[in-house]
Amino acid sequence: MVGLTLDGQRYALPLAQVERVIRAVEIIPLPKAPEIIAGVINVRGQVIPVVNIRKRFRLPDREIMLSDQFVIARTSRRPVALVADGTDGVIELPEHRVVRAEKILPDMDYVEGVAKLDDGMILIHDLDKFLSFQEEKTLEHALSGATARKP
């Protein structure tokens, strides 16, 4: 797992989904994108949507700071960048320490499970559930419109 933090809360993503972690860069607004999309960034010539996971978790919104990091990860449909206050690097989690989400509360949106650690808990997220079907369609339309306008 790759650990990240938002407002002091720890989260994790499966290592296989994470491509890299980069320092925060300028985000270009993406017209007609879903509210959860902060805009897009250019990573090595690839336009990647930036997901503001603060909105999804109902955390207080704040400006992106130079100390923030972008976790570049891959959903089953596309790469995305997640804004994080910081990252914890790779965290090894034995299976016996992970409780599947459905055992805690049915229909836990975006959460795959919870890891019990000696110093607290980490929510493990399912990136493929971050965007609803409608948000995914709206994002696809906004991205295709943005690439069509490129000179």
C-alpha atoms as a PDB file:
ATOM      1  CA  MET A   1       0.000   0.000   0.000  1.00  0.00           C
ATOM      2  CA  VAL A   2       1.019   3.622  -0.480  1.00  0.00           C
ATOM      3  CA  GLY A   3       0.058   5.832   2.440  1.00  0.00           C
ATOM      4  CA  LEU A   4      -1.118   9.423   2.168  1.00  0.00           C
ATOM      5  CA  THR A   5      -2.487  11.963   4.622  1.00  0.00           C
ATOM      6  CA  LEU A   6      -5.234  14.564   4.527  1.00  0.00           C
ATOM      7  CA  ASP A   7      -5.878  16.759   7.562  1.00  0.00           C
ATOM      8  CA  GLY A   8      -4.013  14.300   9.781  1.00  0.00           C
ATOM      9  CA  GLN A   9      -6.103  11.302   8.676  1.00  0.00           C
ATOM     10  CA  ARG A  10      -4.212   8.428   7.048  1.00  0.00           C
ATOM     11  CA  TYR A  11      -5.379   6.777   3.843  1.00  0.00           C
ATOM     12  CA  ALA A  12      -3.858   4.162   1.570  1.00  0.00           C
ATOM     13  CA  LEU A  13      -4.051   3.019  -2.030  1.00  0.00           C
ATOM     14  CA  PRO A  14      -3.012  -0.369  -3.403  1.00  0.00           C
ATOM     15  CA  LEU A  15       0.617  -0.170  -4.510  1.00  0.00           C
ATOM     16  CA  ALA A  16      -0.230  -1.640  -7.928  1.00  0.00           C
ATOM     17  CA  GLN A  17      -2.419   1.408  -8.712  1.00  0.00           C
ATOM     18  CA  VAL A  18       0.178   4.047  -7.813  1.00  0.00           C
ATOM     19  CA  GLU A  19       2.573   5.145 -10.557  1.00  0.00           C
ATOM     20  CA  ARG A  20       4.499   7.875  -8.725  1.00  0.00           C
ATOM     21  CA  VAL A  21       4.309  10.738  -6.272  1.00  0.00           C
ATOM     22  CA  ILE A  22       5.234  14.241  -7.446  1.00  0.00           C
ATOM     23  CA  ARG A  23       5.388  17.677  -5.873  1.00  0.00           C
ATOM     24  CA  ALA A  24       2.383  19.906  -6.376  1.00  0.00           C
ATOM     25  CA  VAL A  25       2.348  21.781  -9.663  1.00  0.00           C
ATOM     26  CA  GLU A  26      -0.006  24.303 -11.194  1.00  0.00           C
ATOM     27  CA  ILE A  27      -3.462  22.938 -11.907  1.00  0.00           C
ATOM     28  CA  ILE A  28      -5.171  24.147 -15.072  1.00  0.00           C
ATOM     29  CA  PRO A  29      -8.957  24.514 -14.673  1.00  0.00           C
ATOM     30  CA  LEU A  30     -11.023  22.095 -16.771  1.00  0.00           C
ATOM     31  CA  PRO A  31     -14.305  23.659 -17.929  1.00  0.00           C
ATOM     32  CA  LYS A  32     -17.412  21.489 -17.556  1.00  0.00           C
ATOM     33  CA  ALA A  33     -15.622  18.942 -15.349  1.00  0.00           C
ATOM     34  CA  PRO A  34     -17.388  17.416 -12.328  1.00  0.00           C
ATOM     35  CA  GLU A  35     -17.048  19.357  -9.070  1.00  0.00           C
ATOM     36  CA  ILE A  36     -14.649  16.780  -7.621  1.00  0.00           C
ATOM     37  CA  ILE A  37     -12.130  17.491 -10.426  1.00  0.00           C
ATOM     38  CA  ALA A  38      -9.831  20.408  -9.521  1.00  0.00           C
ATOM     39  CA  GLY A  39      -8.498  20.627 -13.083  1.00  0.00           C
ATOM     40  CA  VAL A  40      -5.719  18.946 -15.022  1.00  0.00           C
ATOM     41  CA  ILE A  41      -1.937  18.761 -14.879  1.00  0.00           C
ATOM     42  CA  ASN A  42       0.647  17.883 -17.504  1.00  0.00           C
ATOM     43  CA  VAL A  43       2.883  14.993 -16.471  1.00  0.00           C
ATOM     44  CA  ARG A  44       5.481  14.154 -19.098  1.00  0.00           C
ATOM     45  CA  GLY A  45       3.172  15.227 -21.903  1.00  0.00           C
ATOM     46  CA  GLN A  46       0.134  13.410 -20.532  1.00  0.00           C
ATOM     47  CA  VAL A  47      -2.940  15.389 -19.420  1.00  0.00           C
ATOM     48  CA  ILE A  48      -4.071  13.980 -16.075  1.00  0.00           C
ATOM     49  CA  PRO A  49      -7.227  15.023 -14.176  1.00  0.00           C
ATOM     50  CA  VAL A  50      -6.667  16.085 -10.571  1.00  0.00           C
ATOM     51  CA  VAL A  51      -9.193  14.624  -8.137  1.00  0.00           C
ATOM     52  CA  ASN A  52      -9.898  16.779  -5.093  1.00  0.00           C
ATOM     53  CA  ILE A  53     -10.498  13.960  -2.631  1.00  0.00           C
ATOM     54  CA  ARG A  54     -11.164  16.520   0.109  1.00  0.00           C
ATOM     55  CA  LYS A  55     -14.553  17.092  -1.522  1.00  0.00           C
ATOM     56  CA  ARG A  56     -15.294  13.371  -1.636  1.00  0.00           C
ATOM     57  CA  PHE A  57     -14.474  12.937   2.063  1.00  0.00           C
ATOM     58  CA  ARG A  58     -16.243  16.155   3.081  1.00  0.00           C
ATOM     59  CA  LEU A  59     -13.055  17.677   4.472  1.00  0.00           C
ATOM     60  CA  PRO A  60     -12.617  21.462   4.624  1.00  0.00           C
ATOM     61  CA  ASP A  61     -11.499  22.825   1.270  1.00  0.00           C
ATOM     62  CA  ARG A  62      -8.203  24.690   1.126  1.00  0.00           C
ATOM     63  CA  GLU A  63      -5.793  26.054  -1.434  1.00  0.00           C
ATOM     64  CA  ILE A  64      -3.136  23.686  -2.707  1.00  0.00           C
ATOM     65  CA  MET A  65       0.228  24.480  -1.145  1.00  0.00           C
ATOM     66  CA  LEU A  66       3.732  23.950  -2.522  1.00  0.00           C
ATOM     67  CA  SER A  67       4.305  21.350   0.196  1.00  0.00           C
ATOM     68  CA  ASP A  68       1.392  19.223  -1.055  1.00  0.00           C
ATOM     69  CA  GLN A  69       1.994  16.168  -3.172  1.00  0.00           C
ATOM     70  CA  PHE A  70       0.161  14.611  -6.095  1.00  0.00           C
ATOM     71  CA  VAL A  71      -0.215  10.858  -6.047  1.00  0.00           C
ATOM     72  CA  ILE A  72      -0.386   9.749  -9.671  1.00  0.00           C
ATOM     73  CA  ALA A  73      -2.471   6.589  -9.731  1.00  0.00           C
ATOM     74  CA  ARG A  74      -4.277   4.540 -12.322  1.00  0.00           C
ATOM     75  CA  THR A  75      -7.947   3.624 -12.230  1.00  0.00           C
ATOM     76  CA  SER A  76      -9.270   0.976 -14.595  1.00  0.00           C
ATOM     77  CA  ARG A  77     -10.160   3.817 -17.000  1.00  0.00           C
ATOM     78  CA  ARG A  78      -7.398   6.449 -16.726  1.00  0.00           C
ATOM     79  CA  PRO A  79      -4.574   7.920 -14.702  1.00  0.00           C
ATOM     80  CA  VAL A  80      -5.573  10.452 -12.056  1.00  0.00           C
ATOM     81  CA  ALA A  81      -3.716  12.707  -9.650  1.00  0.00           C
ATOM     82  CA  LEU A  82      -4.866  12.806  -6.033  1.00  0.00           C
ATOM     83  CA  VAL A  83      -3.944  15.828  -3.932  1.00  0.00           C
ATOM     84  CA  ALA A  84      -2.432  14.823  -0.575  1.00  0.00           C
ATOM     85  CA  ASP A  85      -1.002  16.836   2.310  1.00  0.00           C
ATOM     86  CA  GLY A  86       1.806  14.281   2.389  1.00  0.00           C
ATOM     87  CA  THR A  87       2.687  10.664   1.737  1.00  0.00           C
ATOM     88  CA  ASP A  88       3.932   7.924   4.035  1.00  0.00           C
ATOM     89  CA  GLY A  89       5.622   5.876   1.342  1.00  0.00           C
ATOM     90  CA  VAL A  90       5.048   2.158   0.970  1.00  0.00           C
ATOM     91  CA  ILE A  91       3.308   0.482   3.901  1.00  0.00           C
ATOM     92  CA  GLU A  92       3.402  -3.289   4.232  1.00  0.00           C
ATOM     93  CA  LEU A  93       0.070  -4.570   5.494  1.00  0.00           C
ATOM     94  CA  PRO A  94      -0.369  -8.247   6.306  1.00  0.00           C
ATOM     95  CA  GLU A  95      -3.803  -9.567   5.261  1.00  0.00           C
ATOM     96  CA  HIS A  96      -4.798 -10.289   8.874  1.00  0.00           C
ATOM     97  CA  ARG A  97      -4.556  -6.570   9.676  1.00  0.00           C
ATOM     98  CA  VAL A  98      -7.013  -5.559   6.944  1.00  0.00           C
ATOM     99  CA  VAL A  99     -10.762  -5.652   7.589  1.00  0.00           C
ATOM    100  CA  ARG A 100     -12.859  -5.635   4.407  1.00  0.00           C
ATOM    101  CA  ALA A 101     -15.268  -2.677   4.171  1.00  0.00           C
ATOM    102  CA  GLU A 102     -18.388  -4.863   3.901  1.00  0.00           C
ATOM    103  CA  LYS A 103     -17.587  -6.394   7.313  1.00  0.00           C
ATOM    104  CA  ILE A 104     -17.652  -2.944   8.911  1.00  0.00           C
ATOM    105  CA  LEU A 105     -20.559  -1.275   7.171  1.00  0.00           C
ATOM    106  CA  PRO A 106     -22.299  -2.305   3.960  1.00  0.00           C
ATOM    107  CA  ASP A 107     -22.089   0.158   1.063  1.00  0.00           C
ATOM    108  CA  MET A 108     -19.043   2.056   2.321  1.00  0.00           C
ATOM    109  CA  ASP A 109     -18.478   4.165  -0.761  1.00  0.00           C
ATOM    110  CA  TYR A 110     -14.884   4.488  -1.973  1.00  0.00           C
ATOM    111  CA  VAL A 111     -13.487   2.342   0.849  1.00  0.00           C
ATOM    112  CA  GLU A 112     -12.057  -1.115   0.191  1.00  0.00           C
ATOM    113  CA  GLY A 113     -11.085  -1.798   3.779  1.00  0.00           C
ATOM    114  CA  VAL A 114      -9.538  -0.584   7.015  1.00  0.00           C
ATOM    115  CA  ALA A 115      -6.060  -1.536   8.198  1.00  0.00           C
ATOM    116  CA  LYS A 116      -5.479  -1.836  11.925  1.00  0.00           C
ATOM    117  CA  LEU A 117      -1.983  -0.675  12.842  1.00  0.00           C
ATOM    118  CA  ASP A 118      -0.228  -0.259  16.186  1.00  0.00           C
ATOM    119  CA  ASP A 119      -0.433   3.537  15.862  1.00  0.00           C
ATOM    120  CA  GLY A 120      -3.961   3.856  14.454  1.00  0.00           C
ATOM    121  CA  MET A 121      -6.039   2.933  11.442  1.00  0.00           C
ATOM    122  CA  ILE A 122      -5.705   3.541   7.728  1.00  0.00           C
ATOM    123  CA  LEU A 123      -8.631   3.669   5.306  1.00  0.00           C
ATOM    124  CA  ILE A 124      -7.823   1.765   2.111  1.00  0.00           C
ATOM    125  CA  HIS A 125      -9.540   3.242  -0.914  1.00  0.00           C
ATOM    126  CA  ASP A 126     -10.916   1.834  -4.130  1.00  0.00           C
ATOM    127  CA  LEU A 127     -10.018   4.311  -6.871  1.00  0.00           C
ATOM    128  CA  ASP A 128     -12.441   2.767  -9.327  1.00  0.00           C
ATOM    129  CA  LYS A 129     -15.322   3.887  -7.095  1.00  0.00           C
ATOM    130  CA  PHE A 130     -14.133   7.476  -6.576  1.00  0.00           C
ATOM    131  CA  LEU A 131     -16.133   8.831  -9.478  1.00  0.00           C
ATOM    132  CA  SER A 132     -19.776   8.024 -10.029  1.00  0.00           C
ATOM    133  CA  PHE A 133     -20.902   6.873 -13.463  1.00  0.00           C
ATOM    134  CA  GLN A 134     -22.252  10.368 -14.209  1.00  0.00           C
ATOM    135  CA  GLU A 135     -19.051  12.081 -12.980  1.00  0.00           C
ATOM    136  CA  GLU A 136     -17.014   9.721 -15.157  1.00  0.00           C
ATOM    137  CA  LYS A 137     -19.111  10.580 -18.236  1.00  0.00           C
ATOM    138  CA  THR A 138     -18.904  14.308 -17.504  1.00  0.00           C
ATOM    139  CA  LEU A 139     -15.131  14.100 -17.038  1.00  0.00           C
ATOM    140  CA  GLU A 140     -14.718  12.159 -20.279  1.00  0.00           C
ATOM    141  CA  HIS A 141     -16.708  14.825 -22.128  1.00  0.00           C
ATOM    142  CA  ALA A 142     -14.727  17.678 -20.531  1.00  0.00           C
ATOM    143  CA  LEU A 143     -11.378  15.996 -21.338  1.00  0.00           C
ATOM    144  CA  SER A 144     -12.349  15.305 -24.942  1.00  0.00           C
ATOM    145  CA  GLY A 145     -13.434  18.936 -25.323  1.00  0.00           C
ATOM    146  CA  ALA A 146     -10.142  20.175 -23.850  1.00  0.00           C
ATOM    147  CA  THR A 147      -7.981  18.021 -26.111  1.00  0.00           C
ATOM    148  CA  ALA A 148     -10.044  19.026 -29.142  1.00  0.00           C
ATOM    149  CA  ARG A 149      -9.228  22.718 -28.409  1.00  0.00           C
ATOM    150  CA  LYS A 150      -5.463  22.139 -28.265  1.00  0.00           C
ATOM    151  CA  PRO A 151      -3.551  24.102 -30.909  1.00  0.00           C
END
